[in-house]
Amino acid sequence: MRFALILFASVLFTALPVSGQQDTTASAEADAVAAIEKLMARTRQGRDKPTESDLKVRQEAGAEMAKLGEQFLKDHPKSEKAEHVHGLINMGLLEASVAGDAAAAEALQRRATNLKDATIPDEMKLHTFAVNHIAQWAIKNGKKTVTQGSPEFQGVFREAFFAAADVLPDKDSIFQMLLLQAKSGREMSAEEKRSLAKRVAEHSQASTSIKAEAERILSGTPAYAVGKPLELSFTAVDGSKVDIKDLAGKVVLIDFWATWCGPCVAEVPTLKKAYETYHAKGFEIIGISLDDKKGDLLAFTKKHEIPWPQYFDGKHWNNEISFRFGISSVPTAWLVDKKGVLRHTEVRTYDLESAVQKLLKEP
């Protein structure tokens, strides 16, 4: 799965990594979450052309998702899956609201106006606010279904972010998400990206650093370019220093990934095989983790015996390195040659070996 501006909705349907032993409590939680997730298909019954009967099914399924979600939070208030369930509640209420359930719309509105709870992560507060904004827009405009990939939806979602910046405290993170789209939004034209960056640059709530980044985007100065040397240095999660300049003479794969990303996890065996095969010949891997929980990253790398260094700052999609380079989807893999020059930015696992072999043969 590749995530774009709808990433807040998308990431909530990615299975959370499981840590620790599978005790009875963990199993009960997993079963409860699975029961909620199973209802998602029914909230999309009829797809883009739902009948009245389909809308009724959507209302019932969305309301049931919210009901089961609220019960889960009562039964498992300290669960690691609580944030995921909060998101499922939001999505259930969204689908039910758009399908015509006034009670669901009211419930979603209440959730979006009651965001002072310190236990709710800032990202989830933004998700709740944005989902409610979309629901209110859909109801106002007589929409009976919301097509998440449509240009119309993407535009509404961006407007939701701007509205959120006016009321939520973590404004820099919100503006960073918008600037990420101004850098690399695949569904946006060059003019739309410039317009978005300009709007952020001129926004009264944007900080000096955010305005500076927006101006850099408007100037057209790229953070990287294929065929040019790449600047990258950081302190890895294990405390080691990593600088791509120190890796001169080696071929380096830069892997932008996360443990919550199913396709990223699926690629790990292929990456390990390539590392084991070519490491002695001068092949290195650097991981840029978009995880927000350090424990998840450490547990995963230990369990799967991943030997290469990992960058982690806990900022999720606002990860300092991935944001600088405009990474808006994971997995994303780059290849840097022996001279430190960025050669590829769309490396897939099926052509990784051939690409690495070719670069290793170069002087």
Protein backbone atom coordinates (compact mmCIF):
# COMPACT_ATOMS: atom_id res chain seq x y z
CA MET A 1 0.00 0.00 0.00
CA ARG A 2 1.30 3.46 -0.87
CA PHE A 3 0.05 6.36 1.21
CA ALA A 4 -0.75 9.83 -0.13
CA LEU A 5 -2.70 12.68 1.54
CA ILE A 6 -5.28 10.18 2.76
CA LEU A 7 -2.53 8.56 4.80
CA PHE A 8 -4.25 9.32 8.11
CA ALA A 9 -7.18 7.20 7.02
CA SER A 10 -5.02 4.63 5.26
CA VAL A 11 -2.54 4.04 8.05
CA LEU A 12 -5.34 3.17 10.42
CA PHE A 13 -6.19 0.09 8.37
CA THR A 14 -2.64 -1.22 8.53
CA ALA A 15 -2.22 -4.02 11.03
CA LEU A 16 -0.39 -2.86 14.11
CA PRO A 17 2.84 -4.70 14.94
CA VAL A 18 2.43 -7.22 17.71
CA SER A 19 4.93 -7.05 20.53
CA GLY A 20 5.40 -9.35 23.47
CA GLN A 21 3.83 -12.76 23.95
CA GLN A 22 0.43 -13.68 22.62
CA ASP A 23 -1.32 -13.96 25.98
CA THR A 24 -5.06 -14.29 26.49
CA THR A 25 -5.57 -10.53 26.81
CA ALA A 26 -3.69 -9.80 23.58
CA SER A 27 -5.72 -12.46 21.78
CA ALA A 28 -8.99 -10.99 23.06
CA GLU A 29 -7.93 -7.52 21.92
CA ALA A 30 -6.96 -8.78 18.48
CA ASP A 31 -10.29 -10.58 18.07
CA ALA A 32 -12.21 -7.48 19.13
CA VAL A 33 -10.34 -5.26 16.68
CA ALA A 34 -10.78 -7.80 13.88
CA ALA A 35 -14.54 -7.76 14.48
CA ILE A 36 -14.58 -3.97 14.02
CA GLU A 37 -12.38 -4.09 10.92
CA LYS A 38 -14.59 -6.74 9.35
CA LEU A 39 -17.44 -4.24 9.28
CA MET A 40 -15.49 -1.84 7.05
CA ALA A 41 -16.45 -3.72 3.88
CA ARG A 42 -20.13 -3.22 4.67
CA THR A 43 -19.64 0.54 5.11
CA ARG A 44 -18.60 0.64 1.44
CA GLN A 45 -21.43 -1.53 0.10
CA GLY A 46 -22.53 -0.35 -3.31
CA ARG A 47 -19.24 1.46 -3.78
CA ASP A 48 -19.65 4.65 -5.83
CA LYS A 49 -23.30 4.01 -6.73
CA PRO A 50 -25.07 2.88 -3.55
CA THR A 51 -28.79 2.15 -3.56
CA GLU A 52 -31.07 3.14 -0.68
CA SER A 53 -30.69 -0.40 0.60
CA ASP A 54 -26.90 -0.09 0.43
CA LEU A 55 -27.01 3.19 2.34
CA LYS A 56 -29.03 1.53 5.08
CA VAL A 57 -26.41 -1.22 5.37
CA ARG A 58 -23.68 1.44 5.53
CA GLN A 59 -25.47 3.28 8.31
CA GLU A 60 -25.88 0.13 10.38
CA ALA A 61 -22.31 -1.07 9.81
CA GLY A 62 -20.77 2.34 10.59
CA ALA A 63 -22.83 2.72 13.76
CA GLU A 64 -21.87 -0.80 14.84
CA MET A 65 -18.19 -0.01 14.27
CA ALA A 66 -18.48 3.00 16.55
CA LYS A 67 -20.37 1.00 19.18
CA LEU A 68 -17.86 -1.85 19.22
CA GLY A 69 -14.99 0.62 19.17
CA GLU A 70 -16.27 2.51 22.20
CA GLN A 71 -16.76 -0.78 24.03
CA PHE A 72 -13.20 -1.81 23.18
CA LEU A 73 -11.82 1.43 24.64
CA LYS A 74 -13.77 0.82 27.85
CA ASP A 75 -12.61 -2.79 28.11
CA HIS A 76 -8.98 -2.12 27.08
CA PRO A 77 -8.21 1.54 27.96
CA LYS A 78 -4.44 0.98 27.96
CA SER A 79 -4.27 -1.18 24.85
CA GLU A 80 -1.60 -0.47 22.24
CA LYS A 81 -4.41 -0.79 19.72
CA ALA A 82 -6.41 2.09 21.24
CA GLU A 83 -5.25 4.65 18.67
CA HIS A 84 -6.10 2.29 15.84
CA VAL A 85 -9.57 1.77 17.31
CA HIS A 86 -10.11 5.52 17.68
CA GLY A 87 -9.46 5.75 13.95
CA LEU A 88 -11.88 2.93 13.19
CA ILE A 89 -14.57 4.70 15.21
CA ASN A 90 -13.98 7.86 13.19
CA MET A 91 -14.22 6.02 9.89
CA GLY A 92 -17.34 4.15 10.92
CA LEU A 93 -19.06 7.36 11.95
CA LEU A 94 -17.92 9.04 8.72
CA GLU A 95 -19.41 6.37 6.50
CA ALA A 96 -22.63 6.24 8.52
CA SER A 97 -22.93 10.04 8.49
CA VAL A 98 -22.47 10.34 4.74
CA ALA A 99 -24.98 7.51 4.24
CA GLY A 100 -27.58 9.62 6.05
CA ASP A 101 -27.33 8.72 9.75
CA ALA A 102 -27.89 12.01 11.59
CA ALA A 103 -27.05 10.48 14.97
CA ALA A 104 -23.68 9.33 13.64
CA ALA A 105 -22.99 12.80 12.29
CA GLU A 106 -23.74 14.29 15.70
CA ALA A 107 -21.50 11.74 17.42
CA LEU A 108 -18.64 12.50 15.04
CA GLN A 109 -19.14 16.22 15.57
CA ARG A 110 -18.91 15.73 19.34
CA ARG A 111 -15.67 13.77 18.97
CA ALA A 112 -14.19 16.53 16.81
CA THR A 113 -15.09 19.29 19.27
CA ASN A 114 -13.88 17.41 22.34
CA LEU A 115 -10.17 17.09 21.62
CA LYS A 116 -8.71 18.30 24.89
CA ASP A 117 -8.09 14.78 26.17
CA ALA A 118 -4.33 14.61 26.76
CA THR A 119 -4.33 10.85 26.26
CA ILE A 120 -5.33 11.21 22.61
CA PRO A 121 -2.23 11.60 20.35
CA ASP A 122 -2.03 14.82 18.32
CA GLU A 123 -2.12 12.82 15.08
CA MET A 124 -5.39 11.19 16.10
CA LYS A 125 -6.85 14.57 17.03
CA LEU A 126 -6.01 15.74 13.52
CA HIS A 127 -7.55 12.61 12.05
CA THR A 128 -10.76 13.12 14.02
CA PHE A 129 -10.98 16.78 13.07
CA ALA A 130 -10.31 16.08 9.38
CA VAL A 131 -12.77 13.18 9.16
CA ASN A 132 -15.50 15.31 10.71
CA HIS A 133 -14.69 18.15 8.30
CA ILE A 134 -15.15 15.76 5.39
CA ALA A 135 -18.40 14.41 6.81
CA GLN A 136 -19.84 17.90 7.25
CA TRP A 137 -18.79 18.84 3.72
CA ALA A 138 -20.37 15.70 2.27
CA ILE A 139 -23.64 16.25 4.14
CA LYS A 140 -23.79 19.93 3.14
CA ASN A 141 -23.20 19.07 -0.52
CA GLY A 142 -25.61 16.14 -0.63
CA LYS A 143 -22.94 13.49 -1.13
CA LYS A 144 -23.98 9.93 -0.36
CA THR A 145 -20.53 8.44 -0.79
CA VAL A 146 -16.95 9.66 -0.45
CA THR A 147 -14.38 8.52 -3.00
CA GLN A 148 -11.08 8.90 -1.17
CA GLY A 149 -8.87 8.88 -4.23
CA SER A 150 -10.80 11.53 -6.16
CA PRO A 151 -9.34 15.04 -6.75
CA GLU A 152 -12.44 16.46 -5.06
CA PHE A 153 -11.83 14.45 -1.91
CA GLN A 154 -8.13 15.35 -1.87
CA GLY A 155 -9.04 19.03 -2.09
CA VAL A 156 -11.52 18.76 0.78
CA PHE A 157 -8.96 16.88 2.87
CA ARG A 158 -6.41 19.67 2.34
CA GLU A 159 -9.00 22.23 3.38
CA ALA A 160 -9.62 20.15 6.49
CA PHE A 161 -5.94 20.45 7.35
CA PHE A 162 -6.00 24.22 6.99
CA ALA A 163 -9.10 24.38 9.19
CA ALA A 164 -7.36 22.15 11.74
CA ALA A 165 -4.33 24.45 11.83
CA ASP A 166 -6.61 27.21 13.12
CA VAL A 167 -7.73 25.23 16.17
CA LEU A 168 -5.29 22.40 16.98
CA PRO A 169 -2.03 23.07 18.86
CA ASP A 170 0.45 21.03 16.79
CA LYS A 171 0.37 23.44 13.88
CA ASP A 172 3.85 22.76 12.52
CA SER A 173 3.04 19.07 12.01
CA ILE A 174 -0.15 19.98 10.15
CA PHE A 175 1.66 22.41 7.88
CA GLN A 176 4.40 19.85 7.28
CA MET A 177 1.79 17.41 6.01
CA LEU A 178 0.53 20.06 3.60
CA LEU A 179 4.04 20.92 2.46
CA LEU A 180 4.73 17.23 1.90
CA GLN A 181 1.97 17.33 -0.68
CA ALA A 182 3.37 20.53 -2.16
CA LYS A 183 6.63 18.62 -2.62
CA SER A 184 5.41 15.31 -3.93
CA GLY A 185 1.63 15.08 -4.20
CA ARG A 186 1.17 12.69 -7.11
CA GLU A 187 -2.37 13.73 -7.89
CA MET A 188 -1.52 17.45 -7.99
CA SER A 189 -0.31 19.58 -10.89
CA ALA A 190 2.82 21.71 -10.55
CA GLU A 191 0.66 24.82 -10.28
CA GLU A 192 -1.49 23.26 -7.56
CA LYS A 193 1.64 22.40 -5.59
CA ARG A 194 2.96 25.95 -5.89
CA SER A 195 -0.40 27.34 -4.84
CA LEU A 196 -0.44 25.09 -1.79
CA ALA A 197 3.10 26.08 -0.77
CA LYS A 198 2.27 29.76 -1.26
CA ARG A 199 -0.81 29.45 0.92
CA VAL A 200 1.25 27.87 3.72
CA ALA A 201 3.99 30.51 3.34
CA GLU A 202 1.42 33.26 3.80
CA HIS A 203 -0.56 31.60 6.59
CA SER A 204 -0.62 33.59 9.84
CA GLN A 205 -0.38 30.42 11.94
CA ALA A 206 2.73 29.06 10.20
CA SER A 207 5.99 29.27 12.14
CA THR A 208 9.14 30.90 10.79
CA SER A 209 10.69 27.51 9.97
CA ILE A 210 7.54 26.35 8.16
CA LYS A 211 7.40 29.56 6.15
CA ALA A 212 11.07 29.13 5.24
CA GLU A 213 10.43 25.58 4.00
CA ALA A 214 7.44 26.77 1.98
CA GLU A 215 9.56 29.51 0.41
CA ARG A 216 12.25 26.96 -0.43
CA ILE A 217 9.64 24.89 -2.26
CA LEU A 218 8.45 27.98 -4.12
CA SER A 219 12.03 28.81 -5.12
CA GLY A 220 12.23 25.49 -6.93
CA THR A 221 15.41 24.45 -5.10
CA PRO A 222 15.33 20.63 -4.92
CA ALA A 223 16.39 18.75 -1.79
CA TYR A 224 17.91 16.08 -4.01
CA ALA A 225 18.41 15.23 -7.66
CA VAL A 226 19.13 11.97 -9.44
CA GLY A 227 22.64 12.15 -10.84
CA LYS A 228 23.85 14.47 -8.08
CA PRO A 229 25.66 13.73 -4.78
CA LEU A 230 23.29 13.06 -1.88
CA GLU A 231 23.74 14.71 1.51
CA LEU A 232 22.64 12.48 4.38
CA SER A 233 23.95 12.10 7.91
CA PHE A 234 22.34 11.22 11.25
CA THR A 235 22.71 9.41 14.55
CA ALA A 236 21.09 5.99 14.29
CA VAL A 237 18.71 4.58 16.87
CA ASP A 238 21.57 2.46 18.27
CA GLY A 239 23.72 5.56 18.79
CA SER A 240 26.05 4.99 15.83
CA LYS A 241 26.95 7.87 13.50
CA VAL A 242 25.92 7.49 9.87
CA ASP A 243 27.20 9.73 7.09
CA ILE A 244 26.84 8.74 3.48
CA LYS A 245 30.16 10.49 2.77
CA ASP A 246 31.87 7.88 4.95
CA LEU A 247 30.44 5.16 2.72
CA ALA A 248 32.33 6.25 -0.38
CA GLY A 249 33.28 3.21 -2.44
CA LYS A 250 30.12 1.35 -1.44
CA VAL A 251 26.69 1.02 -3.02
CA VAL A 252 24.05 2.17 -0.55
CA LEU A 253 20.33 1.40 -0.45
CA ILE A 254 18.28 3.94 1.50
CA ASP A 255 15.09 2.26 2.65
CA PHE A 256 12.18 4.50 3.72
CA TRP A 257 9.85 2.19 5.61
CA ALA A 258 7.85 1.48 8.80
CA THR A 259 6.86 -1.56 10.81
CA TRP A 260 3.19 -0.61 10.42
CA CYS A 261 3.49 -0.78 6.62
CA GLY A 262 2.53 -4.24 5.35
CA PRO A 263 4.39 -4.03 2.02
CA CYS A 264 7.49 -2.73 3.84
CA VAL A 265 7.46 -5.72 6.14
CA ALA A 266 6.93 -8.05 3.18
CA GLU A 267 10.09 -6.69 1.54
CA VAL A 268 12.34 -7.37 4.53
CA PRO A 269 13.30 -10.94 3.49
CA THR A 270 14.34 -9.69 0.04
CA LEU A 271 16.40 -6.88 1.54
CA LYS A 272 18.08 -9.26 3.97
CA LYS A 273 18.93 -11.66 1.17
CA ALA A 274 20.48 -8.85 -0.90
CA TYR A 275 22.42 -7.63 2.13
CA GLU A 276 23.75 -11.10 2.94
CA THR A 277 24.69 -11.72 -0.70
CA TYR A 278 26.39 -8.41 -1.51
CA HIS A 279 27.47 -6.84 1.79
CA ALA A 280 30.96 -8.34 1.58
CA LYS A 281 31.23 -6.93 -1.96
CA GLY A 282 30.47 -3.38 -0.83
CA PHE A 283 26.70 -3.14 -0.43
CA GLU A 284 25.16 -1.27 2.51
CA ILE A 285 21.60 -0.52 3.60
CA ILE A 286 20.39 2.45 5.63
CA GLY A 287 16.89 2.39 7.12
CA ILE A 288 14.78 5.53 7.56
CA SER A 289 11.96 4.45 9.85
CA LEU A 290 8.68 6.35 9.84
CA ASP A 291 7.53 4.57 12.98
CA ASP A 292 6.18 6.68 15.82
CA LYS A 293 6.98 4.15 18.56
CA LYS A 294 10.64 3.37 19.19
CA GLY A 295 9.75 0.11 20.89
CA ASP A 296 8.00 -1.18 17.77
CA LEU A 297 11.08 -0.50 15.65
CA LEU A 298 13.52 -2.03 18.13
CA ALA A 299 11.38 -5.12 18.68
CA PHE A 300 10.96 -5.68 14.94
CA THR A 301 14.62 -5.24 14.03
CA LYS A 302 15.63 -7.56 16.87
CA LYS A 303 13.09 -10.23 15.99
CA HIS A 304 14.00 -10.20 12.30
CA GLU A 305 17.74 -9.74 12.92
CA ILE A 306 18.07 -6.64 10.76
CA PRO A 307 21.74 -5.58 10.94
CA TRP A 308 21.75 -2.23 9.15
CA PRO A 309 21.40 1.16 10.96
CA GLN A 310 18.03 2.83 11.40
CA TYR A 311 17.10 6.50 11.65
CA PHE A 312 14.21 7.15 14.02
CA ASP A 313 12.72 10.35 15.43
CA GLY A 314 9.16 9.23 16.20
CA LYS A 315 7.57 11.85 13.94
CA HIS A 316 5.84 9.40 11.64
CA TRP A 317 5.11 11.12 8.30
CA ASN A 318 6.85 14.25 9.58
CA ASN A 319 10.11 12.31 10.01
CA GLU A 320 12.84 14.92 9.52
CA ILE A 321 14.68 13.05 6.78
CA SER A 322 11.69 11.70 4.85
CA PHE A 323 10.02 15.14 5.00
CA ARG A 324 13.14 16.88 3.72
CA PHE A 325 13.19 14.55 0.72
CA GLY A 326 9.42 14.71 0.14
CA ILE A 327 8.74 11.03 0.78
CA SER A 328 4.96 10.66 0.67
CA SER A 329 4.66 6.89 0.35
CA VAL A 330 6.34 3.80 1.75
CA PRO A 331 8.07 1.59 0.95
CA THR A 332 10.40 3.82 -1.05
CA ALA A 333 13.97 2.76 -1.83
CA TRP A 334 16.83 4.83 -3.24
CA LEU A 335 20.20 3.64 -4.52
CA VAL A 336 23.40 5.66 -4.15
CA ASP A 337 26.51 4.66 -6.10
CA LYS A 338 30.14 4.35 -4.96
CA LYS A 339 30.73 8.07 -5.55
CA GLY A 340 27.84 9.11 -3.32
CA VAL A 341 25.64 10.02 -6.28
CA LEU A 342 21.92 9.28 -6.13
CA ARG A 343 21.18 6.96 -9.04
CA HIS A 344 17.70 5.52 -8.49
CA THR A 345 14.62 6.65 -6.50
CA GLU A 346 12.14 3.96 -7.55
CA VAL A 347 13.93 0.71 -6.74
CA ARG A 348 11.59 -2.24 -6.36
CA THR A 349 12.46 -5.58 -4.82
CA TYR A 350 12.06 -7.46 -8.10
CA ASP A 351 14.87 -5.44 -9.75
CA LEU A 352 16.99 -4.75 -6.66
CA GLU A 353 19.63 -7.43 -7.27
CA SER A 354 20.27 -6.45 -10.88
CA ALA A 355 20.51 -2.76 -9.95
CA VAL A 356 22.94 -3.47 -7.11
CA GLN A 357 25.07 -5.78 -9.27
CA LYS A 358 25.32 -3.12 -11.96
CA LEU A 359 26.43 -0.41 -9.56
CA LEU A 360 28.93 -2.69 -7.81
CA LYS A 361 30.65 -3.32 -11.15
CA GLU A 362 31.20 0.41 -11.69
CA PRO A 363 34.62 1.86 -10.73
